[in-house]
């Protein structure tokens, strides 16, 4: 099942076929901390994937991996911290 897809610099949620409240999902913003300094600021804030504790961001021939670091704060932000980088298999 597709939870999110990468489109023109941001992750977008794919349609889900379950009873999750989609308005509540859209209200959350993922804030990515750490990782390479070359990762654009535009990628560091994006819609938070519902139910996923990990985010994988394509960047410079590889993927930057982030894991959820805590609970949602008062501004509806979810913090994800950088954990690793992997290369894209050729």
N, C-alpha and C. Protein backbone atom coordinates (compact mmCIF):
# COMPACT_ATOMS: atom_id res chain seq x y z
N UNK A 1 0.85 -1.17 0.00
CA UNK A 1 0.00 0.00 0.00
C UNK A 1 0.89 1.23 0.00
N UNK A 2 0.58 2.20 -0.78
CA UNK A 2 1.34 3.43 -0.89
C UNK A 2 0.94 4.39 0.23
N UNK A 3 1.86 4.76 1.08
CA UNK A 3 1.56 5.73 2.14
C UNK A 3 1.92 7.14 1.69
N UNK A 4 3.03 7.30 0.98
CA UNK A 4 3.40 8.60 0.45
C UNK A 4 4.31 8.41 -0.75
N UNK A 5 4.36 9.43 -1.60
CA UNK A 5 5.21 9.37 -2.78
C UNK A 5 5.93 10.69 -2.94
N UNK A 6 7.09 10.66 -3.57
CA UNK A 6 7.92 11.83 -3.77
C UNK A 6 7.52 12.49 -5.08
N UNK A 7 7.15 13.76 -5.04
CA UNK A 7 6.74 14.49 -6.23
C UNK A 7 7.28 15.90 -6.17
N UNK A 8 8.07 16.27 -7.17
CA UNK A 8 8.61 17.63 -7.31
C UNK A 8 9.11 18.22 -6.00
N UNK A 9 9.97 17.52 -5.32
CA UNK A 9 10.63 18.06 -4.15
C UNK A 9 9.93 17.86 -2.82
N UNK A 10 8.72 17.32 -2.80
CA UNK A 10 8.05 17.07 -1.53
C UNK A 10 7.37 15.71 -1.55
N UNK A 11 7.09 15.21 -0.39
CA UNK A 11 6.36 13.96 -0.28
C UNK A 11 4.87 14.27 -0.27
N UNK A 12 4.11 13.51 -1.03
CA UNK A 12 2.66 13.66 -1.05
C UNK A 12 2.04 12.33 -0.65
N UNK A 13 0.97 12.42 0.08
CA UNK A 13 0.27 11.24 0.54
C UNK A 13 -0.51 10.61 -0.60
N UNK A 14 -0.43 9.31 -0.74
CA UNK A 14 -1.24 8.58 -1.71
C UNK A 14 -2.61 8.34 -1.09
N UNK A 15 -3.64 8.19 -1.89
CA UNK A 15 -4.96 7.90 -1.33
C UNK A 15 -4.95 6.59 -0.55
N UNK A 16 -5.60 6.59 0.58
CA UNK A 16 -5.68 5.40 1.42
C UNK A 16 -7.12 4.88 1.38
N UNK A 17 -7.26 3.59 1.47
CA UNK A 17 -8.58 2.98 1.45
C UNK A 17 -8.95 2.45 2.82
N UNK A 18 -8.85 3.32 3.83
CA UNK A 18 -9.26 2.91 5.17
C UNK A 18 -9.99 4.06 5.84
N UNK A 19 -10.31 3.93 7.09
CA UNK A 19 -11.16 4.91 7.78
C UNK A 19 -10.38 5.96 8.54
N UNK A 20 -9.16 6.22 8.18
CA UNK A 20 -8.35 7.22 8.87
C UNK A 20 -8.86 8.61 8.50
N UNK A 21 -8.92 9.50 9.47
CA UNK A 21 -9.38 10.86 9.22
C UNK A 21 -8.30 11.62 8.45
N UNK A 22 -8.50 11.85 7.16
CA UNK A 22 -7.48 12.46 6.32
C UNK A 22 -7.26 13.92 6.66
N UNK A 23 -8.24 14.63 7.17
CA UNK A 23 -8.03 16.02 7.55
C UNK A 23 -7.04 16.12 8.70
N UNK A 24 -7.11 15.20 9.65
CA UNK A 24 -6.17 15.20 10.77
C UNK A 24 -4.77 14.88 10.26
N UNK A 25 -4.65 13.98 9.27
CA UNK A 25 -3.34 13.65 8.72
C UNK A 25 -2.71 14.87 8.07
N UNK A 26 -3.48 15.61 7.29
CA UNK A 26 -2.95 16.75 6.56
C UNK A 26 -2.52 17.88 7.49
N UNK A 27 -3.05 17.91 8.71
CA UNK A 27 -2.74 18.99 9.63
C UNK A 27 -1.34 18.87 10.22
N UNK A 28 -0.71 17.69 10.15
CA UNK A 28 0.61 17.49 10.74
C UNK A 28 1.71 17.80 9.73
N UNK A 29 2.78 18.42 10.23
CA UNK A 29 3.93 18.74 9.41
C UNK A 29 5.15 18.05 9.99
N UNK A 30 5.90 17.33 9.13
CA UNK A 30 7.15 16.70 9.55
C UNK A 30 8.27 17.74 9.45
N UNK A 31 9.06 17.83 10.50
CA UNK A 31 10.23 18.71 10.51
C UNK A 31 11.45 17.80 10.60
N UNK A 32 12.31 17.83 9.57
CA UNK A 32 13.48 16.95 9.50
C UNK A 32 14.69 17.66 10.10
N UNK A 33 15.31 17.03 11.09
CA UNK A 33 16.49 17.60 11.75
C UNK A 33 17.71 16.77 11.44
N UNK A 34 18.86 17.43 11.29
CA UNK A 34 20.12 16.75 11.04
C UNK A 34 20.29 16.40 9.58
N UNK A 35 21.23 15.52 9.32
CA UNK A 35 21.50 15.14 7.94
C UNK A 35 22.47 16.10 7.28
N UNK A 36 22.68 15.93 5.98
CA UNK A 36 23.65 16.77 5.29
C UNK A 36 23.19 18.22 5.18
N UNK A 37 24.15 19.14 5.22
CA UNK A 37 23.81 20.56 5.10
C UNK A 37 23.32 20.90 3.69
N UNK A 38 23.59 20.04 2.73
CA UNK A 38 23.15 20.29 1.35
C UNK A 38 21.67 19.93 1.12
N UNK A 39 21.01 19.34 2.11
CA UNK A 39 19.59 19.01 1.98
C UNK A 39 18.81 20.32 2.03
N UNK A 40 18.04 20.65 0.97
CA UNK A 40 17.34 21.94 0.91
C UNK A 40 16.34 22.13 2.05
N UNK A 41 16.21 23.37 2.47
CA UNK A 41 15.25 23.70 3.52
C UNK A 41 13.83 23.33 3.12
N UNK A 42 13.53 23.41 1.84
CA UNK A 42 12.18 23.07 1.37
C UNK A 42 11.83 21.61 1.66
N UNK A 43 12.83 20.72 1.71
CA UNK A 43 12.58 19.32 2.01
C UNK A 43 12.51 19.05 3.51
N UNK A 44 12.94 20.00 4.31
CA UNK A 44 12.98 19.79 5.77
C UNK A 44 11.63 19.99 6.45
N UNK A 45 10.65 20.52 5.72
CA UNK A 45 9.28 20.66 6.21
C UNK A 45 8.36 20.10 5.14
N UNK A 46 7.58 19.10 5.50
CA UNK A 46 6.70 18.43 4.55
C UNK A 46 5.56 17.76 5.31
N UNK A 47 4.49 17.39 4.61
CA UNK A 47 3.41 16.69 5.29
C UNK A 47 3.92 15.42 5.96
N UNK A 48 3.51 15.20 7.20
CA UNK A 48 3.96 14.02 7.95
C UNK A 48 3.21 12.79 7.48
N UNK A 49 3.93 11.72 7.13
CA UNK A 49 3.27 10.47 6.74
C UNK A 49 2.60 9.83 7.94
N UNK A 50 1.33 9.60 7.85
CA UNK A 50 0.56 9.05 8.97
C UNK A 50 0.97 7.61 9.28
N UNK A 51 1.21 7.34 10.55
CA UNK A 51 1.51 5.99 10.98
C UNK A 51 2.91 5.50 10.68
N UNK A 52 3.73 6.31 10.02
CA UNK A 52 5.09 5.89 9.71
C UNK A 52 6.07 6.56 10.66
N UNK A 53 6.98 5.78 11.20
CA UNK A 53 7.99 6.31 12.09
C UNK A 53 9.26 6.69 11.34
N UNK A 54 9.28 6.43 10.04
CA UNK A 54 10.48 6.71 9.23
C UNK A 54 10.10 7.45 7.96
N UNK A 55 11.04 8.32 7.53
CA UNK A 55 10.91 9.03 6.25
C UNK A 55 12.20 8.82 5.49
N UNK A 56 12.08 8.56 4.19
CA UNK A 56 13.24 8.36 3.33
C UNK A 56 13.18 9.44 2.24
N UNK A 57 14.22 10.30 2.18
CA UNK A 57 14.24 11.42 1.26
C UNK A 57 15.31 11.18 0.20
N UNK A 58 14.96 11.13 -1.09
CA UNK A 58 15.96 11.01 -2.15
C UNK A 58 16.82 12.27 -2.19
N UNK A 59 18.16 12.09 -2.23
CA UNK A 59 19.06 13.25 -2.22
C UNK A 59 20.43 12.86 -2.77
N UNK A 60 20.86 13.50 -3.84
CA UNK A 60 22.20 13.35 -4.42
C UNK A 60 22.62 11.89 -4.62
N UNK A 61 21.81 11.12 -5.32
CA UNK A 61 22.17 9.74 -5.64
C UNK A 61 22.01 8.76 -4.50
N UNK A 62 21.29 9.14 -3.49
CA UNK A 62 21.08 8.25 -2.36
C UNK A 62 19.80 8.62 -1.63
N UNK A 63 19.66 8.09 -0.44
CA UNK A 63 18.51 8.40 0.39
C UNK A 63 18.99 8.83 1.76
N UNK A 64 18.37 9.87 2.29
CA UNK A 64 18.60 10.29 3.66
C UNK A 64 17.46 9.71 4.48
N UNK A 65 17.80 9.03 5.57
CA UNK A 65 16.80 8.36 6.40
C UNK A 65 16.59 9.13 7.70
N UNK A 66 15.33 9.34 8.04
CA UNK A 66 14.96 10.06 9.25
C UNK A 66 13.98 9.19 10.03
N UNK A 67 14.09 9.22 11.38
CA UNK A 67 13.16 8.49 12.23
C UNK A 67 12.46 9.46 13.17
N UNK A 68 11.22 9.14 13.46
CA UNK A 68 10.42 9.99 14.34
C UNK A 68 11.10 10.08 15.70
N UNK A 69 11.22 11.31 16.20
CA UNK A 69 11.98 11.53 17.42
C UNK A 69 11.13 11.86 18.63
N UNK A 70 9.87 12.07 18.44
CA UNK A 70 9.08 12.41 19.60
C UNK A 70 7.63 12.65 19.25
N UNK A 71 6.95 13.22 20.24
CA UNK A 71 5.53 13.46 20.07
C UNK A 71 5.28 14.77 19.33
N UNK A 72 4.05 14.98 19.01
CA UNK A 72 3.64 16.19 18.31
C UNK A 72 3.63 17.35 19.30
N UNK A 73 4.20 18.49 18.88
CA UNK A 73 4.16 19.65 19.77
C UNK A 73 2.88 20.45 19.52
N UNK A 74 2.73 21.57 20.20
CA UNK A 74 1.52 22.37 20.11
C UNK A 74 1.24 22.95 18.73
N UNK A 75 2.26 23.04 17.87
CA UNK A 75 2.09 23.61 16.54
C UNK A 75 1.82 22.56 15.48
N UNK A 76 1.47 21.36 15.88
CA UNK A 76 1.17 20.25 14.97
C UNK A 76 2.37 19.86 14.11
N UNK A 77 3.56 19.91 14.71
CA UNK A 77 4.79 19.48 14.03
C UNK A 77 5.26 18.16 14.64
N UNK A 78 5.78 17.28 13.78
CA UNK A 78 6.36 16.03 14.23
C UNK A 78 7.84 16.08 13.86
N UNK A 79 8.72 15.87 14.83
CA UNK A 79 10.16 15.95 14.58
C UNK A 79 10.69 14.59 14.18
N UNK A 80 11.44 14.56 13.08
CA UNK A 80 12.14 13.37 12.61
C UNK A 80 13.62 13.71 12.60
N UNK A 81 14.45 12.84 13.17
CA UNK A 81 15.91 13.07 13.21
C UNK A 81 16.61 12.15 12.23
N UNK A 82 17.66 12.69 11.61
CA UNK A 82 18.45 11.95 10.63
C UNK A 82 19.14 10.78 11.31
N UNK A 83 19.11 9.61 10.64
CA UNK A 83 19.77 8.43 11.20
C UNK A 83 20.83 7.86 10.30
N UNK A 84 20.66 7.93 8.99
CA UNK A 84 21.63 7.29 8.08
C UNK A 84 21.43 7.76 6.65
N UNK A 85 22.42 7.45 5.83
CA UNK A 85 22.34 7.68 4.39
C UNK A 85 22.62 6.35 3.70
N UNK A 86 21.84 6.05 2.67
CA UNK A 86 22.12 4.87 1.83
C UNK A 86 22.23 5.31 0.39
N UNK A 87 22.91 4.50 -0.41
CA UNK A 87 23.07 4.80 -1.84
C UNK A 87 21.98 4.08 -2.61
N UNK A 88 21.60 4.67 -3.74
CA UNK A 88 20.63 4.04 -4.62
C UNK A 88 21.33 2.93 -5.38
N UNK A 89 20.76 1.75 -5.36
CA UNK A 89 21.35 0.60 -6.09
C UNK A 89 21.20 0.83 -7.60
N UNK A 90 22.24 0.49 -8.31
CA UNK A 90 22.20 0.67 -9.77
C UNK A 90 21.95 -0.62 -10.50
